[in-house]
């Protein structure tokens, strides 16, 4: 019985060595997508366009809020001169304007709002270029797994700079270090 147990252990150990060899040969690396994006000249253009659109929409939202304030001020100034019916109509108009202002802000800056849709639309071609470059670098360097250091909370606690492939991706994109 001991001999069978010993033979089984040897076969199991041999099996583990044979099948874990390819796993040990797997190459891993990481990139910093935030670093790559910030180095890409197209990203700066996207950021500028988004900033310009954001400022326009913020100004429009502020104008709507200002209209509500002006209507409220007018109502206070003329309150004593108005009949109950006229007063109620003005209150309803102010509430409608407030609602329109809130809806505009939510539609533009809310979750899945126009701003975020525009951001996704503008970044998509750039992200595709970067992904293609990442894929080429991964294939050239025979990487099994490539992590993104900038991808929020992750299990990456320490990174050895020797395994950082961000510069290779920038090189694949044709972006020089001094950008």
C-alpha atoms as a PDB file:
ATOM      1  CA  UNK A   1       0.000   0.000   0.000  1.00  0.00           C
ATOM      2  CA  UNK A   2       2.825   2.392   0.857  1.00  0.00           C
ATOM      3  CA  UNK A   3       4.444   1.599  -2.505  1.00  0.00           C
ATOM      4  CA  UNK A   4       1.231   2.513  -4.401  1.00  0.00           C
ATOM      5  CA  UNK A   5       0.906   5.701  -2.364  1.00  0.00           C
ATOM      6  CA  UNK A   6       4.526   6.629  -3.151  1.00  0.00           C
ATOM      7  CA  UNK A   7       4.035   5.845  -6.865  1.00  0.00           C
ATOM      8  CA  UNK A   8       0.865   7.948  -6.878  1.00  0.00           C
ATOM      9  CA  UNK A   9       2.723  10.899  -5.315  1.00  0.00           C
ATOM     10  CA  UNK A  10       5.506  10.639  -7.912  1.00  0.00           C
ATOM     11  CA  UNK A  11       3.010  10.494 -10.798  1.00  0.00           C
ATOM     12  CA  UNK A  12       1.062  13.416  -9.303  1.00  0.00           C
ATOM     13  CA  UNK A  13       4.248  15.458  -8.847  1.00  0.00           C
ATOM     14  CA  UNK A  14       5.334  14.678 -12.430  1.00  0.00           C
ATOM     15  CA  UNK A  15       1.894  15.667 -13.673  1.00  0.00           C
ATOM     16  CA  UNK A  16       2.029  18.983 -11.795  1.00  0.00           C
ATOM     17  CA  UNK A  17       5.531  19.766 -13.076  1.00  0.00           C
ATOM     18  CA  UNK A  18       4.592  19.001 -16.676  1.00  0.00           C
ATOM     19  CA  UNK A  19       1.428  21.068 -16.641  1.00  0.00           C
ATOM     20  CA  UNK A  20       2.643  23.959 -14.545  1.00  0.00           C
ATOM     21  CA  UNK A  21       5.693  24.500 -16.769  1.00  0.00           C
ATOM     22  CA  UNK A  22       3.647  26.427 -19.386  1.00  0.00           C
ATOM     23  CA  UNK A  23       2.013  28.433 -16.595  1.00  0.00           C
ATOM     24  CA  UNK A  24       5.370  29.444 -15.180  1.00  0.00           C
ATOM     25  CA  UNK A  25       6.449  30.569 -18.645  1.00  0.00           C
ATOM     26  CA  UNK A  26       3.506  32.953 -18.924  1.00  0.00           C
ATOM     27  CA  UNK A  27       4.622  36.562 -19.142  1.00  0.00           C
ATOM     28  CA  UNK A  28       2.765  39.288 -17.327  1.00  0.00           C
ATOM     29  CA  UNK A  29       3.056  43.034 -17.589  1.00  0.00           C
ATOM     30  CA  UNK A  30       1.164  46.203 -16.897  1.00  0.00           C
ATOM     31  CA  UNK A  31       0.487  49.582 -18.405  1.00  0.00           C
ATOM     32  CA  UNK A  32      -0.776  52.861 -17.016  1.00  0.00           C
ATOM     33  CA  UNK A  33      -3.652  53.861 -19.308  1.00  0.00           C
ATOM     34  CA  UNK A  34      -3.966  57.243 -17.601  1.00  0.00           C
ATOM     35  CA  UNK A  35      -0.308  57.984 -18.369  1.00  0.00           C
ATOM     36  CA  UNK A  36      -0.781  56.861 -21.984  1.00  0.00           C
ATOM     37  CA  UNK A  37      -3.921  58.983 -22.423  1.00  0.00           C
ATOM     38  CA  UNK A  38      -2.247  62.063 -20.971  1.00  0.00           C
ATOM     39  CA  UNK A  39       0.669  61.645 -23.367  1.00  0.00           C
ATOM     40  CA  UNK A  40      -1.566  61.290 -26.439  1.00  0.00           C
ATOM     41  CA  UNK A  41      -2.076  64.587 -28.320  1.00  0.00           C
ATOM     42  CA  UNK A  42      -5.616  63.617 -29.386  1.00  0.00           C
ATOM     43  CA  UNK A  43      -6.615  63.301 -25.718  1.00  0.00           C
ATOM     44  CA  UNK A  44      -5.734  66.955 -25.154  1.00  0.00           C
ATOM     45  CA  UNK A  45      -7.981  67.916 -28.085  1.00  0.00           C
ATOM     46  CA  UNK A  46     -10.843  65.802 -26.703  1.00  0.00           C
ATOM     47  CA  UNK A  47     -10.396  67.399 -23.261  1.00  0.00           C
ATOM     48  CA  UNK A  48     -10.463  70.896 -24.772  1.00  0.00           C
ATOM     49  CA  UNK A  49     -13.626  70.159 -26.758  1.00  0.00           C
ATOM     50  CA  UNK A  50     -15.332  68.654 -23.710  1.00  0.00           C
ATOM     51  CA  UNK A  51     -14.328  71.651 -21.599  1.00  0.00           C
ATOM     52  CA  UNK A  52     -15.750  74.041 -24.202  1.00  0.00           C
ATOM     53  CA  UNK A  53     -19.046  72.116 -24.390  1.00  0.00           C
ATOM     54  CA  UNK A  54     -19.231  71.864 -20.606  1.00  0.00           C
ATOM     55  CA  UNK A  55     -18.744  75.608 -20.199  1.00  0.00           C
ATOM     56  CA  UNK A  56     -21.500  76.315 -22.747  1.00  0.00           C
ATOM     57  CA  UNK A  57     -23.926  73.969 -20.993  1.00  0.00           C
ATOM     58  CA  UNK A  58     -23.016  75.345 -17.551  1.00  0.00           C
ATOM     59  CA  UNK A  59     -23.663  78.858 -18.826  1.00  0.00           C
ATOM     60  CA  UNK A  60     -27.040  77.768 -20.183  1.00  0.00           C
ATOM     61  CA  UNK A  61     -27.914  76.143 -16.839  1.00  0.00           C
ATOM     62  CA  UNK A  62     -26.860  79.309 -14.988  1.00  0.00           C
ATOM     63  CA  UNK A  63     -29.030  81.404 -17.323  1.00  0.00           C
ATOM     64  CA  UNK A  64     -32.038  79.214 -16.516  1.00  0.00           C
ATOM     65  CA  UNK A  65     -31.338  79.559 -12.783  1.00  0.00           C
ATOM     66  CA  UNK A  66     -30.979  83.324 -13.183  1.00  0.00           C
ATOM     67  CA  UNK A  67     -34.370  83.505 -14.920  1.00  0.00           C
ATOM     68  CA  UNK A  68     -35.928  81.695 -11.953  1.00  0.00           C
ATOM     69  CA  UNK A  69     -34.311  84.165  -9.541  1.00  0.00           C
ATOM     70  CA  UNK A  70     -35.510  87.139 -11.598  1.00  0.00           C
ATOM     71  CA  UNK A  71     -39.063  85.789 -11.758  1.00  0.00           C
ATOM     72  CA  UNK A  72     -38.993  85.261  -7.980  1.00  0.00           C
ATOM     73  CA  UNK A  73     -37.684  88.790  -7.396  1.00  0.00           C
ATOM     74  CA  UNK A  74     -40.376  90.259  -9.669  1.00  0.00           C
ATOM     75  CA  UNK A  75     -43.028  88.293  -7.821  1.00  0.00           C
ATOM     76  CA  UNK A  76     -41.835  89.601  -4.445  1.00  0.00           C
ATOM     77  CA  UNK A  77     -41.779  93.171  -5.720  1.00  0.00           C
ATOM     78  CA  UNK A  78     -45.281  92.982  -7.235  1.00  0.00           C
ATOM     79  CA  UNK A  79     -46.831  90.572  -4.720  1.00  0.00           C
ATOM     80  CA  UNK A  80     -49.026  93.170  -3.013  1.00  0.00           C
ATOM     81  CA  UNK A  81     -50.424  94.363  -6.352  1.00  0.00           C
ATOM     82  CA  UNK A  82     -51.472  90.914  -7.604  1.00  0.00           C
ATOM     83  CA  UNK A  83     -54.750  89.138  -7.147  1.00  0.00           C
ATOM     84  CA  UNK A  84     -54.664  85.611  -5.708  1.00  0.00           C
ATOM     85  CA  UNK A  85     -55.204  84.156  -9.191  1.00  0.00           C
ATOM     86  CA  UNK A  86     -52.402  86.242 -10.747  1.00  0.00           C
ATOM     87  CA  UNK A  87     -50.106  85.354  -7.850  1.00  0.00           C
ATOM     88  CA  UNK A  88     -50.801  81.634  -8.306  1.00  0.00           C
ATOM     89  CA  UNK A  89     -50.116  81.879 -12.054  1.00  0.00           C
ATOM     90  CA  UNK A  90     -46.738  83.480 -11.358  1.00  0.00           C
ATOM     91  CA  UNK A  91     -45.886  80.810  -8.754  1.00  0.00           C
ATOM     92  CA  UNK A  92     -46.798  78.113 -11.292  1.00  0.00           C
ATOM     93  CA  UNK A  93     -44.613  79.798 -13.927  1.00  0.00           C
ATOM     94  CA  UNK A  94     -41.683  79.946 -11.496  1.00  0.00           C
ATOM     95  CA  UNK A  95     -42.114  76.284 -10.571  1.00  0.00           C
ATOM     96  CA  UNK A  96     -42.267  75.316 -14.245  1.00  0.00           C
ATOM     97  CA  UNK A  97     -39.088  77.285 -14.913  1.00  0.00           C
ATOM     98  CA  UNK A  98     -37.366  75.634 -11.918  1.00  0.00           C
ATOM     99  CA  UNK A  99     -38.414  72.216 -13.167  1.00  0.00           C
ATOM    100  CA  UNK A 100     -37.140  72.997 -16.674  1.00  0.00           C
ATOM    101  CA  UNK A 101     -33.829  74.156 -15.185  1.00  0.00           C
ATOM    102  CA  UNK A 102     -33.457  70.981 -13.119  1.00  0.00           C
ATOM    103  CA  UNK A 103     -34.415  68.782 -16.086  1.00  0.00           C
ATOM    104  CA  UNK A 104     -31.858  70.522 -18.293  1.00  0.00           C
ATOM    105  CA  UNK A 105     -29.089  70.033 -15.723  1.00  0.00           C
ATOM    106  CA  UNK A 106     -30.044  66.395 -15.250  1.00  0.00           C
ATOM    107  CA  UNK A 107     -30.338  65.750 -19.007  1.00  0.00           C
ATOM    108  CA  UNK A 108     -26.936  67.273 -19.706  1.00  0.00           C
ATOM    109  CA  UNK A 109     -24.827  66.428 -16.629  1.00  0.00           C
ATOM    110  CA  UNK A 110     -26.744  63.538 -15.046  1.00  0.00           C
ATOM    111  CA  UNK A 111     -25.945  59.841 -15.289  1.00  0.00           C
ATOM    112  CA  UNK A 112     -25.994  58.928 -18.992  1.00  0.00           C
ATOM    113  CA  UNK A 113     -26.418  62.624 -19.726  1.00  0.00           C
ATOM    114  CA  UNK A 114     -25.431  64.364 -22.931  1.00  0.00           C
ATOM    115  CA  UNK A 115     -22.031  65.328 -21.494  1.00  0.00           C
ATOM    116  CA  UNK A 116     -21.077  61.736 -20.702  1.00  0.00           C
ATOM    117  CA  UNK A 117     -22.430  60.501 -24.037  1.00  0.00           C
ATOM    118  CA  UNK A 118     -20.356  63.112 -25.858  1.00  0.00           C
ATOM    119  CA  UNK A 119     -17.302  62.152 -23.788  1.00  0.00           C
ATOM    120  CA  UNK A 120     -17.736  58.490 -24.738  1.00  0.00           C
ATOM    121  CA  UNK A 121     -18.261  59.418 -28.388  1.00  0.00           C
ATOM    122  CA  UNK A 122     -15.129  61.564 -28.523  1.00  0.00           C
ATOM    123  CA  UNK A 123     -12.931  59.109 -26.590  1.00  0.00           C
ATOM    124  CA  UNK A 124     -14.029  55.945 -28.428  1.00  0.00           C
ATOM    125  CA  UNK A 125     -11.727  56.347 -31.490  1.00  0.00           C
ATOM    126  CA  UNK A 126      -8.775  57.170 -29.234  1.00  0.00           C
ATOM    127  CA  UNK A 127      -9.494  54.220 -26.960  1.00  0.00           C
ATOM    128  CA  UNK A 128      -9.658  51.952 -30.012  1.00  0.00           C
ATOM    129  CA  UNK A 129      -6.248  53.175 -31.193  1.00  0.00           C
ATOM    130  CA  UNK A 130      -4.757  52.625 -27.754  1.00  0.00           C
ATOM    131  CA  UNK A 131      -6.330  49.185 -27.438  1.00  0.00           C
ATOM    132  CA  UNK A 132      -4.921  48.173 -30.852  1.00  0.00           C
ATOM    133  CA  UNK A 133      -1.466  49.372 -29.768  1.00  0.00           C
ATOM    134  CA  UNK A 134      -1.786  47.474 -26.472  1.00  0.00           C
ATOM    135  CA  UNK A 135      -2.738  44.335 -28.353  1.00  0.00           C
ATOM    136  CA  UNK A 136       0.274  44.684 -30.706  1.00  0.00           C
ATOM    137  CA  UNK A 137       2.678  45.253 -27.817  1.00  0.00           C
ATOM    138  CA  UNK A 138       1.213  42.280 -25.943  1.00  0.00           C
ATOM    139  CA  UNK A 139       1.659  40.045 -28.985  1.00  0.00           C
ATOM    140  CA  UNK A 140       5.187  41.305 -29.739  1.00  0.00           C
ATOM    141  CA  UNK A 141       6.261  40.643 -26.161  1.00  0.00           C
ATOM    142  CA  UNK A 142       4.370  37.340 -25.820  1.00  0.00           C
ATOM    143  CA  UNK A 143       2.403  38.602 -22.835  1.00  0.00           C
ATOM    144  CA  UNK A 144      -0.317  36.354 -21.470  1.00  0.00           C
ATOM    145  CA  UNK A 145      -1.784  39.070 -19.247  1.00  0.00           C
ATOM    146  CA  UNK A 146      -1.421  42.831 -19.261  1.00  0.00           C
ATOM    147  CA  UNK A 147      -2.867  44.719 -16.292  1.00  0.00           C
ATOM    148  CA  UNK A 148      -3.892  48.378 -16.226  1.00  0.00           C
ATOM    149  CA  UNK A 149      -2.364  50.146 -13.238  1.00  0.00           C
ATOM    150  CA  UNK A 150      -4.838  53.039 -13.588  1.00  0.00           C
ATOM    151  CA  UNK A 151      -7.963  50.856 -13.575  1.00  0.00           C
ATOM    152  CA  UNK A 152      -9.177  51.875 -10.140  1.00  0.00           C
ATOM    153  CA  UNK A 153      -8.999  49.597  -7.145  1.00  0.00           C
ATOM    154  CA  UNK A 154      -7.129  46.490  -8.157  1.00  0.00           C
ATOM    155  CA  UNK A 155      -5.090  43.678  -6.757  1.00  0.00           C
ATOM    156  CA  UNK A 156      -1.874  45.292  -7.947  1.00  0.00           C
ATOM    157  CA  UNK A 157      -0.016  46.265  -4.812  1.00  0.00           C
ATOM    158  CA  UNK A 158       3.470  46.580  -6.250  1.00  0.00           C
ATOM    159  CA  UNK A 159       4.727  47.021  -9.787  1.00  0.00           C
ATOM    160  CA  UNK A 160       8.268  46.507 -10.961  1.00  0.00           C
ATOM    161  CA  UNK A 161       9.080  49.159 -13.589  1.00  0.00           C
ATOM    162  CA  UNK A 162      10.795  46.481 -15.686  1.00  0.00           C
ATOM    163  CA  UNK A 163       7.353  45.077 -16.441  1.00  0.00           C
ATOM    164  CA  UNK A 164       5.775  48.411 -17.402  1.00  0.00           C
ATOM    165  CA  UNK A 165       4.870  48.327 -21.076  1.00  0.00           C
ATOM    166  CA  UNK A 166       3.337  51.830 -21.220  1.00  0.00           C
ATOM    167  CA  UNK A 167       6.289  53.244 -23.166  1.00  0.00           C
ATOM    168  CA  UNK A 168       6.028  50.407 -25.705  1.00  0.00           C
ATOM    169  CA  UNK A 169       2.374  51.290 -26.238  1.00  0.00           C
ATOM    170  CA  UNK A 170       3.269  54.968 -26.683  1.00  0.00           C
ATOM    171  CA  UNK A 171       5.955  53.936 -29.163  1.00  0.00           C
ATOM    172  CA  UNK A 172       3.409  51.789 -31.028  1.00  0.00           C
ATOM    173  CA  UNK A 173       1.127  54.836 -31.184  1.00  0.00           C
ATOM    174  CA  UNK A 174       4.002  56.916 -32.546  1.00  0.00           C
ATOM    175  CA  UNK A 175       4.141  59.216 -29.511  1.00  0.00           C
ATOM    176  CA  UNK A 176       7.542  60.376 -28.397  1.00  0.00           C
ATOM    177  CA  UNK A 177       8.599  60.740 -24.749  1.00  0.00           C
ATOM    178  CA  UNK A 178       8.804  64.551 -24.765  1.00  0.00           C
ATOM    179  CA  UNK A 179       5.056  65.065 -25.453  1.00  0.00           C
END
